Amino acid sequence: MTGEDVARVFNEVFGQECVDHVDMVERTDRNTGYPFYIAYVHFGDVQDEAAFRECGGETFLAKINADQEVRLVYRDPWFWKVRRNTKTKHVRRGPRILSDEDTADFMEHQKKVLESRKKFNEGKKHATDGGTDTVRERWYPNVHGVTEQEESG
């Protein structure tokens, strides 16, 4: 079954072209080792609300929005278990091309990190044996932009 097949079923159930697109993601069953697909169905606007209601659309939305499972028969006796996607969208952290908005945020974050480093390293001297040694710092930014320091000396 393809994404187009999945869209066709949902459009037929709701009596109109309401599916914008379908993302098909292959997974492997951890018990059997067999591959299967998860379909992420992205809906567009409902054009005919009366047809949508008549086809059970309001009940479908109420259950989905309440994080309940809906069983949709696509070919008797076969059905899909339909649930709302509750996972957060994956944010890519590796090499990538930044949008203008992301670039501005990224530059602002870099500026804050550099200012924090400068403030931290200013006056970071301590006395040992009557003299002063400079504390050497290593910075390891983590995924949240918070910095850690390692003191050696």
Protein backbone atom coordinates (compact mmCIF):
# COMPACT_ATOMS: atom_id res chain seq x y z
CA MET A 1 0.00 0.00 0.00
CA THR A 2 1.34 3.42 -0.95
CA GLY A 3 0.79 6.88 0.48
CA GLU A 4 -1.55 7.59 -2.42
CA ASP A 5 -3.61 4.52 -1.47
CA VAL A 6 -3.84 5.71 2.14
CA ALA A 7 -4.92 9.21 1.02
CA ARG A 8 -7.53 7.71 -1.31
CA VAL A 9 -9.07 5.70 1.57
CA PHE A 10 -9.29 8.71 3.91
CA ASN A 11 -10.70 10.89 1.13
CA GLU A 12 -13.31 8.23 0.38
CA VAL A 13 -14.25 7.84 4.06
CA PHE A 14 -14.75 11.60 4.47
CA GLY A 15 -16.42 12.08 1.08
CA GLN A 16 -13.97 14.68 -0.21
CA GLU A 17 -10.33 15.46 -0.98
CA CYS A 18 -9.22 16.34 2.57
CA VAL A 19 -5.77 14.71 2.71
CA ASP A 20 -2.90 17.06 1.87
CA HIS A 21 -0.21 14.35 1.83
CA VAL A 22 0.92 11.12 3.48
CA ASP A 23 4.42 10.31 4.76
CA MET A 24 5.17 6.58 4.80
CA VAL A 25 7.88 5.48 7.27
CA GLU A 26 9.19 1.90 7.25
CA ARG A 27 9.69 0.15 10.59
CA THR A 28 10.57 -3.40 11.64
CA ASP A 29 8.37 -5.44 13.96
CA ARG A 30 10.48 -6.14 17.05
CA ASN A 31 8.79 -9.54 17.62
CA THR A 32 8.77 -10.97 14.08
CA GLY A 33 11.46 -8.94 12.33
CA TYR A 34 9.06 -8.24 9.46
CA PRO A 35 8.91 -4.75 7.96
CA PHE A 36 5.77 -2.63 8.19
CA TYR A 37 4.87 1.00 7.51
CA ILE A 38 3.56 3.81 9.64
CA ALA A 39 1.55 6.33 7.65
CA TYR A 40 1.55 9.94 8.83
CA VAL A 41 -1.56 11.49 7.29
CA HIS A 42 -1.52 15.28 6.92
CA PHE A 43 -4.97 16.77 6.42
CA GLY A 44 -5.83 19.92 4.52
CA ASP A 45 -8.98 22.01 4.86
CA VAL A 46 -12.40 20.38 4.93
CA GLN A 47 -14.34 21.86 2.01
CA ASP A 48 -17.76 20.28 2.63
CA GLU A 49 -18.49 20.28 6.36
CA ALA A 50 -21.93 18.65 5.92
CA ALA A 51 -20.40 15.69 4.07
CA PHE A 52 -17.62 15.51 6.67
CA ARG A 53 -20.18 15.33 9.52
CA GLU A 54 -22.32 12.81 7.63
CA CYS A 55 -19.30 10.53 7.16
CA GLY A 56 -18.41 10.56 10.86
CA GLY A 57 -15.74 13.25 10.66
CA GLU A 58 -16.74 15.00 13.88
CA THR A 59 -16.61 11.72 15.84
CA PHE A 60 -13.25 10.94 14.25
CA LEU A 61 -11.84 14.35 15.24
CA ALA A 62 -13.28 14.17 18.77
CA LYS A 63 -11.62 10.80 19.39
CA ILE A 64 -8.31 11.78 17.78
CA ASN A 65 -8.17 15.06 19.72
CA ALA A 66 -8.88 13.12 22.94
CA ASP A 67 -5.85 10.91 22.15
CA GLN A 68 -8.10 7.89 21.58
CA GLU A 69 -7.62 5.23 18.93
CA VAL A 70 -9.95 5.06 15.91
CA ARG A 71 -10.24 1.90 13.85
CA LEU A 72 -10.77 2.59 10.17
CA VAL A 73 -11.79 -0.32 7.92
CA TYR A 74 -9.96 0.12 4.63
CA ARG A 75 -10.77 -3.28 3.09
CA ASP A 76 -13.12 -5.55 4.96
CA PRO A 77 -12.08 -7.25 7.26
CA TRP A 78 -8.78 -5.27 7.41
CA PHE A 79 -8.53 -2.05 9.40
CA TRP A 80 -6.00 0.53 10.48
CA LYS A 81 -5.48 1.77 14.02
CA VAL A 82 -5.48 5.56 13.70
CA ARG A 83 -3.98 7.73 16.43
CA ARG A 84 -2.88 11.30 16.79
CA ASN A 85 0.87 11.79 16.48
CA THR A 86 1.96 13.01 19.92
CA LYS A 87 5.70 12.98 19.33
CA THR A 88 7.53 16.24 18.96
CA LYS A 89 8.98 17.03 15.60
CA HIS A 90 12.63 16.06 15.26
CA VAL A 91 14.93 19.08 15.14
CA ARG A 92 17.99 18.45 13.05
CA ARG A 93 21.18 19.24 14.98
CA GLY A 94 23.91 18.15 12.55
CA PRO A 95 25.26 19.90 9.47
CA ARG A 96 22.49 21.80 7.71
CA ILE A 97 21.63 24.92 5.75
CA LEU A 98 19.97 27.50 7.98
CA SER A 99 16.97 29.60 7.05
CA ASP A 100 17.21 33.38 7.58
CA GLU A 101 15.20 33.06 10.81
CA ASP A 102 17.34 30.16 12.07
CA THR A 103 20.51 32.11 11.17
CA ALA A 104 19.42 35.08 13.27
CA ASP A 105 18.61 32.81 16.24
CA PHE A 106 21.88 30.93 15.80
CA MET A 107 23.96 34.14 15.68
CA GLU A 108 22.19 35.49 18.78
CA HIS A 109 22.95 32.27 20.64
CA GLN A 110 26.63 32.36 19.58
CA LYS A 111 26.86 35.96 20.78
CA LYS A 112 25.48 34.98 24.21
CA VAL A 113 27.89 32.04 24.50
CA LEU A 114 30.88 34.22 23.64
CA GLU A 115 29.81 36.92 26.11
CA SER A 116 29.36 34.28 28.80
CA ARG A 117 32.83 32.87 28.14
CA LYS A 118 34.40 36.32 28.26
CA LYS A 119 32.74 37.18 31.59
CA PHE A 120 33.66 33.82 33.04
CA ASN A 121 37.32 34.07 32.02
CA GLU A 122 37.75 37.68 33.16
CA GLY A 123 39.28 37.66 36.62
CA LYS A 124 39.39 33.87 36.78
CA LYS A 125 42.66 33.79 38.64
CA HIS A 126 43.34 32.25 41.97
CA ALA A 127 46.27 32.30 44.36
CA THR A 128 48.44 29.25 44.84
CA ASP A 129 51.66 29.26 46.86
CA GLY A 130 51.71 33.04 47.01
CA GLY A 131 51.56 33.49 43.25
CA THR A 132 48.77 33.57 40.72
CA ASP A 133 47.99 30.90 38.22
CA THR A 134 45.54 31.37 35.39
CA VAL A 135 42.82 28.77 35.41
CA ARG A 136 42.60 27.13 32.01
CA GLU A 137 39.03 26.50 30.87
CA ARG A 138 37.56 24.12 28.34
CA TRP A 139 34.08 24.79 27.03
CA TYR A 140 31.68 22.10 25.94
CA PRO A 141 28.37 23.50 24.69
CA ASN A 142 25.60 20.94 25.03
CA VAL A 143 22.48 20.67 22.90
CA HIS A 144 20.64 23.28 24.96
CA GLY A 145 23.36 25.89 24.57
CA VAL A 146 24.35 25.74 28.23
CA THR A 147 28.06 25.64 28.78
CA GLU A 148 30.09 23.50 31.13
CA GLN A 149 33.61 24.19 32.23
CA GLU A 150 36.42 21.91 33.22
CA GLU A 151 39.05 23.34 35.50
CA SER A 152 42.64 22.18 35.30
CA GLY A 153 45.70 23.81 36.57
